Amino acid sequence: TMPRIKALTTGSIPGFIDVVMNLNS
C-alpha cells in the first residue's frame, strides 16, 4: 500500500526499501 500511494501521488516508482518503511510511514 504505502509504495503504491507514493507512486500515485509522486508519479515515481518506489523500490523495495519502501516495504520496510511501510510499517512506519
PDB file of all heavy atoms in Angstrom:
ATOM      1  N   THR A   1       0.795  -1.231   0.000  1.00  0.00           N
ATOM      2  CA  THR A   1       0.000   0.000   0.000  1.00  0.00           C
ATOM      3  C   THR A   1       0.828   1.282   0.000  1.00  0.00           C
ATOM      4  O   THR A   1       0.621   2.153  -0.842  1.00  0.00           O
ATOM      5  CB  THR A   1      -0.956   0.000   1.202  1.00  0.00           C
ATOM      6  OG1 THR A   1      -1.890  -1.071   1.040  1.00  0.00           O
ATOM      7  CG2 THR A   1      -1.733   1.305   1.279  1.00  0.00           C
ATOM      8  N   MET A   2       1.753   1.439   0.936  1.00  0.00           N
ATOM      9  CA  MET A   2       2.460   2.713   1.024  1.00  0.00           C
ATOM     10  C   MET A   2       3.267   3.045  -0.237  1.00  0.00           C
ATOM     11  O   MET A   2       3.173   4.162  -0.759  1.00  0.00           O
ATOM     12  CB  MET A   2       3.352   2.742   2.267  1.00  0.00           C
ATOM     13  CG  MET A   2       3.857   4.146   2.612  1.00  0.00           C
ATOM     14  SD  MET A   2       5.338   4.600   1.710  1.00  0.00           S
ATOM     15  CE  MET A   2       6.584   3.726   2.637  1.00  0.00           C
ATOM     16  N   PRO A   3       4.045   2.106  -0.795  1.00  0.00           N
ATOM     17  CA  PRO A   3       4.717   2.407  -2.057  1.00  0.00           C
ATOM     18  C   PRO A   3       3.752   2.757  -3.189  1.00  0.00           C
ATOM     19  O   PRO A   3       4.049   3.582  -4.047  1.00  0.00           O
ATOM     20  CB  PRO A   3       5.495   1.122  -2.359  1.00  0.00           C
ATOM     21  CG  PRO A   3       5.712   0.487  -1.041  1.00  0.00           C
ATOM     22  CD  PRO A   3       4.491   0.805  -0.241  1.00  0.00           C
ATOM     23  N   ARG A   4       2.577   2.124  -3.191  1.00  0.00           N
ATOM     24  CA  ARG A   4       1.597   2.417  -4.237  1.00  0.00           C
ATOM     25  C   ARG A   4       1.014   3.827  -4.077  1.00  0.00           C
ATOM     26  O   ARG A   4       0.759   4.521  -5.053  1.00  0.00           O
ATOM     27  CB  ARG A   4       0.461   1.389  -4.205  1.00  0.00           C
ATOM     28  CG  ARG A   4       0.840  -0.043  -4.538  1.00  0.00           C
ATOM     29  CD  ARG A   4       1.390  -0.168  -5.952  1.00  0.00           C
ATOM     30  NE  ARG A   4       2.832  -0.047  -6.023  1.00  0.00           N
ATOM     31  CZ  ARG A   4       3.502   0.647  -6.915  1.00  0.00           C
ATOM     32  NH1 ARG A   4       2.872   1.306  -7.850  1.00  0.00           N
ATOM     33  NH2 ARG A   4       4.805   0.693  -6.901  1.00  0.00           N
ATOM     34  N   ILE A   5       0.784   4.252  -2.830  1.00  0.00           N
ATOM     35  CA  ILE A   5       0.299   5.611  -2.599  1.00  0.00           C
ATOM     36  C   ILE A   5       1.351   6.613  -3.056  1.00  0.00           C
ATOM     37  O   ILE A   5       1.038   7.628  -3.686  1.00  0.00           O
ATOM     38  CB  ILE A   5      -0.059   5.827  -1.114  1.00  0.00           C
ATOM     39  CG1 ILE A   5      -1.245   4.947  -0.714  1.00  0.00           C
ATOM     40  CG2 ILE A   5      -0.397   7.299  -0.843  1.00  0.00           C
ATOM     41  CD1 ILE A   5      -1.584   5.003   0.764  1.00  0.00           C
ATOM     42  N   LYS A   6       2.617   6.314  -2.765  1.00  0.00           N
ATOM     43  CA  LYS A   6       3.692   7.196  -3.217  1.00  0.00           C
ATOM     44  C   LYS A   6       3.737   7.267  -4.735  1.00  0.00           C
ATOM     45  O   LYS A   6       3.945   8.344  -5.313  1.00  0.00           O
ATOM     46  CB  LYS A   6       5.031   6.706  -2.668  1.00  0.00           C
ATOM     47  CG  LYS A   6       5.224   6.954  -1.189  1.00  0.00           C
ATOM     48  CD  LYS A   6       6.592   6.496  -0.699  1.00  0.00           C
ATOM     49  CE  LYS A   6       7.709   7.315  -1.298  1.00  0.00           C
ATOM     50  NZ  LYS A   6       9.027   6.942  -0.713  1.00  0.00           N
ATOM     51  N   ALA A   7       3.539   6.127  -5.388  1.00  0.00           N
ATOM     52  CA  ALA A   7       3.559   6.104  -6.854  1.00  0.00           C
ATOM     53  C   ALA A   7       2.413   6.934  -7.417  1.00  0.00           C
ATOM     54  O   ALA A   7       2.582   7.677  -8.394  1.00  0.00           O
ATOM     55  CB  ALA A   7       3.466   4.665  -7.358  1.00  0.00           C
ATOM     56  N   LEU A   8       1.234   6.827  -6.816  1.00  0.00           N
ATOM     57  CA  LEU A   8       0.063   7.553  -7.304  1.00  0.00           C
ATOM     58  C   LEU A   8       0.165   9.054  -7.079  1.00  0.00           C
ATOM     59  O   LEU A   8      -0.455   9.832  -7.801  1.00  0.00           O
ATOM     60  CB  LEU A   8      -1.206   7.019  -6.627  1.00  0.00           C
ATOM     61  CG  LEU A   8      -1.701   5.652  -7.103  1.00  0.00           C
ATOM     62  CD1 LEU A   8      -2.730   5.088  -6.127  1.00  0.00           C
ATOM     63  CD2 LEU A   8      -2.308   5.753  -8.501  1.00  0.00           C
ATOM     64  N   THR A   9       0.908   9.478  -6.075  1.00  0.00           N
ATOM     65  CA  THR A   9       0.970  10.908  -5.756  1.00  0.00           C
ATOM     66  C   THR A   9       2.233  11.591  -6.259  1.00  0.00           C
ATOM     67  O   THR A   9       2.223  12.799  -6.498  1.00  0.00           O
ATOM     68  CB  THR A   9       0.859  11.127  -4.233  1.00  0.00           C
ATOM     69  OG1 THR A   9       1.861  10.346  -3.564  1.00  0.00           O
ATOM     70  CG2 THR A   9      -0.512  10.722  -3.734  1.00  0.00           C
ATOM     71  N   THR A  10       3.325  10.830  -6.438  1.00  0.00           N
ATOM     72  CA  THR A  10       4.566  11.435  -6.931  1.00  0.00           C
ATOM     73  C   THR A  10       4.813  11.123  -8.401  1.00  0.00           C
ATOM     74  O   THR A  10       5.559  11.841  -9.060  1.00  0.00           O
ATOM     75  CB  THR A  10       5.789  10.941  -6.132  1.00  0.00           C
ATOM     76  OG1 THR A  10       5.957   9.531  -6.357  1.00  0.00           O
ATOM     77  CG2 THR A  10       5.611  11.205  -4.644  1.00  0.00           C
ATOM     78  N   GLY A  11       4.225  10.038  -8.893  1.00  0.00           N
ATOM     79  CA  GLY A  11       4.479   9.632 -10.269  1.00  0.00           C
ATOM     80  C   GLY A  11       5.784   8.867 -10.429  1.00  0.00           C
ATOM     81  O   GLY A  11       6.130   8.458 -11.530  1.00  0.00           O
ATOM     82  N   SER A  12       6.515   8.667  -9.329  1.00  0.00           N
ATOM     83  CA  SER A  12       7.760   7.900  -9.389  1.00  0.00           C
ATOM     84  C   SER A  12       7.464   6.442  -9.041  1.00  0.00           C
ATOM     85  O   SER A  12       6.350   6.102  -8.653  1.00  0.00           O
ATOM     86  CB  SER A  12       8.801   8.485  -8.424  1.00  0.00           C
ATOM     87  OG  SER A  12       8.325   8.411  -7.094  1.00  0.00           O
ATOM     88  N   ILE A  13       8.482   5.599  -9.167  1.00  0.00           N
ATOM     89  CA  ILE A  13       8.312   4.168  -8.900  1.00  0.00           C
ATOM     90  C   ILE A  13       9.122   3.811  -7.665  1.00  0.00           C
ATOM     91  O   ILE A  13      10.346   3.686  -7.735  1.00  0.00           O
ATOM     92  CB  ILE A  13       8.762   3.320 -10.102  1.00  0.00           C
ATOM     93  CG1 ILE A  13       7.954   3.705 -11.347  1.00  0.00           C
ATOM     94  CG2 ILE A  13       8.601   1.835  -9.811  1.00  0.00           C
ATOM     95  CD1 ILE A  13       8.390   2.995 -12.611  1.00  0.00           C
ATOM     96  N   PRO A  14       8.480   3.666  -6.505  1.00  0.00           N
ATOM     97  CA  PRO A  14       9.205   3.329  -5.277  1.00  0.00           C
ATOM     98  C   PRO A  14       9.853   1.961  -5.385  1.00  0.00           C
ATOM     99  O   PRO A  14       9.414   1.096  -6.136  1.00  0.00           O
ATOM    100  CB  PRO A  14       8.108   3.335  -4.199  1.00  0.00           C
ATOM    101  CG  PRO A  14       6.998   4.147  -4.793  1.00  0.00           C
ATOM    102  CD  PRO A  14       7.054   3.877  -6.263  1.00  0.00           C
ATOM    103  N   GLY A  15      10.918   1.757  -4.592  1.00  0.00           N
ATOM    104  CA  GLY A  15      11.625   0.492  -4.604  1.00  0.00           C
ATOM    105  C   GLY A  15      11.248  -0.380  -3.424  1.00  0.00           C
ATOM    106  O   GLY A  15      10.372  -0.051  -2.628  1.00  0.00           O
ATOM    107  N   PHE A  16      11.960  -1.501  -3.276  1.00  0.00           N
ATOM    108  CA  PHE A  16      11.652  -2.460  -2.223  1.00  0.00           C
ATOM    109  C   PHE A  16      12.006  -1.939  -0.833  1.00  0.00           C
ATOM    110  O   PHE A  16      11.509  -2.441   0.162  1.00  0.00           O
ATOM    111  CB  PHE A  16      12.387  -3.776  -2.492  1.00  0.00           C
ATOM    112  CG  PHE A  16      11.776  -4.564  -3.607  1.00  0.00           C
ATOM    113  CD1 PHE A  16      12.190  -4.378  -4.918  1.00  0.00           C
ATOM    114  CD2 PHE A  16      10.771  -5.474  -3.362  1.00  0.00           C
ATOM    115  CE1 PHE A  16      11.621  -5.094  -5.956  1.00  0.00           C
ATOM    116  CE2 PHE A  16      10.194  -6.194  -4.391  1.00  0.00           C
ATOM    117  CZ  PHE A  16      10.619  -6.000  -5.693  1.00  0.00           C
ATOM    118  N   ILE A  17      12.868  -0.915  -0.746  1.00  0.00           N
ATOM    119  CA  ILE A  17      13.176  -0.334   0.553  1.00  0.00           C
ATOM    120  C   ILE A  17      11.925   0.276   1.171  1.00  0.00           C
ATOM    121  O   ILE A  17      11.794   0.376   2.395  1.00  0.00           O
ATOM    122  CB  ILE A  17      14.290   0.740   0.407  1.00  0.00           C
ATOM    123  CG1 ILE A  17      14.806   1.175   1.780  1.00  0.00           C
ATOM    124  CG2 ILE A  17      13.791   1.935  -0.381  1.00  0.00           C
ATOM    125  CD1 ILE A  17      15.505   0.095   2.557  1.00  0.00           C
ATOM    126  N   ASP A  18      10.967   0.652   0.328  1.00  0.00           N
ATOM    127  CA  ASP A  18       9.731   1.240   0.834  1.00  0.00           C
ATOM    128  C   ASP A  18       8.858   0.223   1.538  1.00  0.00           C
ATOM    129  O   ASP A  18       7.948   0.588   2.271  1.00  0.00           O
ATOM    130  CB  ASP A  18       8.948   1.886  -0.320  1.00  0.00           C
ATOM    131  CG  ASP A  18       9.637   3.132  -0.836  1.00  0.00           C
ATOM    132  OD1 ASP A  18       9.529   4.172  -0.176  1.00  0.00           O
ATOM    133  OD2 ASP A  18      10.286   3.058  -1.886  1.00  0.00           O
ATOM    134  N   VAL A  19       9.104  -1.069   1.309  1.00  0.00           N
ATOM    135  CA  VAL A  19       8.351  -2.102   2.015  1.00  0.00           C
ATOM    136  C   VAL A  19       8.637  -2.012   3.509  1.00  0.00           C
ATOM    137  O   VAL A  19       7.747  -2.135   4.349  1.00  0.00           O
ATOM    138  CB  VAL A  19       8.712  -3.501   1.486  1.00  0.00           C
ATOM    139  CG1 VAL A  19       8.021  -4.581   2.308  1.00  0.00           C
ATOM    140  CG2 VAL A  19       8.327  -3.614   0.019  1.00  0.00           C
ATOM    141  N   VAL A  20       9.904  -1.795   3.864  1.00  0.00           N
ATOM    142  CA  VAL A  20      10.273  -1.649   5.262  1.00  0.00           C
ATOM    143  C   VAL A  20       9.633  -0.395   5.845  1.00  0.00           C
ATOM    144  O   VAL A  20       9.103  -0.401   6.958  1.00  0.00           O
ATOM    145  CB  VAL A  20      11.811  -1.587   5.403  1.00  0.00           C
ATOM    146  CG1 VAL A  20      12.206  -1.422   6.865  1.00  0.00           C
ATOM    147  CG2 VAL A  20      12.446  -2.835   4.825  1.00  0.00           C
ATOM    148  N   MET A  21       9.660   0.692   5.071  1.00  0.00           N
ATOM    149  CA  MET A  21       9.082   1.949   5.532  1.00  0.00           C
ATOM    150  C   MET A  21       7.570   1.870   5.641  1.00  0.00           C
ATOM    151  O   MET A  21       6.946   2.707   6.298  1.00  0.00           O
ATOM    152  CB  MET A  21       9.483   3.076   4.568  1.00  0.00           C
ATOM    153  CG  MET A  21      10.983   3.319   4.514  1.00  0.00           C
ATOM    154  SD  MET A  21      11.434   4.493   3.220  1.00  0.00           S
ATOM    155  CE  MET A  21      10.602   5.965   3.806  1.00  0.00           C
ATOM    156  N   ASN A  22       6.960   0.877   5.011  1.00  0.00           N
ATOM    157  CA  ASN A  22       5.512   0.723   5.051  1.00  0.00           C
ATOM    158  C   ASN A  22       5.003   0.537   6.485  1.00  0.00           C
ATOM    159  O   ASN A  22       3.869   0.871   6.800  1.00  0.00           O
ATOM    160  CB  ASN A  22       5.098  -0.478   4.199  1.00  0.00           C
ATOM    161  CG  ASN A  22       3.599  -0.594   4.041  1.00  0.00           C
ATOM    162  OD1 ASN A  22       2.956   0.306   3.517  1.00  0.00           O
ATOM    163  ND2 ASN A  22       3.031  -1.703   4.490  1.00  0.00           N
ATOM    164  N   LEU A  23       5.853   0.014   7.368  1.00  0.00           N
ATOM    165  CA  LEU A  23       5.442  -0.243   8.741  1.00  0.00           C
ATOM    166  C   LEU A  23       5.358   1.038   9.557  1.00  0.00           C
ATOM    167  O   LEU A  23       4.640   1.097  10.546  1.00  0.00           O
ATOM    168  CB  LEU A  23       6.424  -1.221   9.397  1.00  0.00           C
ATOM    169  CG  LEU A  23       6.532  -2.595   8.720  1.00  0.00           C
ATOM    170  CD1 LEU A  23       7.602  -3.424   9.397  1.00  0.00           C
ATOM    171  CD2 LEU A  23       5.188  -3.314   8.764  1.00  0.00           C
ATOM    172  N   ASN A  24       6.090   2.051   9.154  1.00  0.00           N
ATOM    173  CA  ASN A  24       6.045   3.323   9.891  1.00  0.00           C
ATOM    174  C   ASN A  24       6.255   4.449   8.889  1.00  0.00           C
ATOM    175  O   ASN A  24       7.337   5.009   8.790  1.00  0.00           O
ATOM    176  CB  ASN A  24       7.116   3.341  10.980  1.00  0.00           C
ATOM    177  CG  ASN A  24       7.039   4.601  11.831  1.00  0.00           C
ATOM    178  OD1 ASN A  24       5.978   5.209  11.948  1.00  0.00           O
ATOM    179  ND2 ASN A  24       8.165   5.005  12.396  1.00  0.00           N
ATOM    180  N   SER A  25       5.216   4.758   8.132  1.00  0.00           N
ATOM    181  CA  SER A  25       5.337   5.679   7.002  1.00  0.00           C
ATOM    182  C   SER A  25       5.662   7.090   7.478  1.00  0.00           C
ATOM    183  O   SER A  25       4.854   7.710   8.160  1.00  0.00           O
ATOM    184  CB  SER A  25       4.019   5.687   6.213  1.00  0.00           C
ATOM    185  OG  SER A  25       3.620   4.381   5.913  1.00  0.00           O
TER     186      SER A  25
END
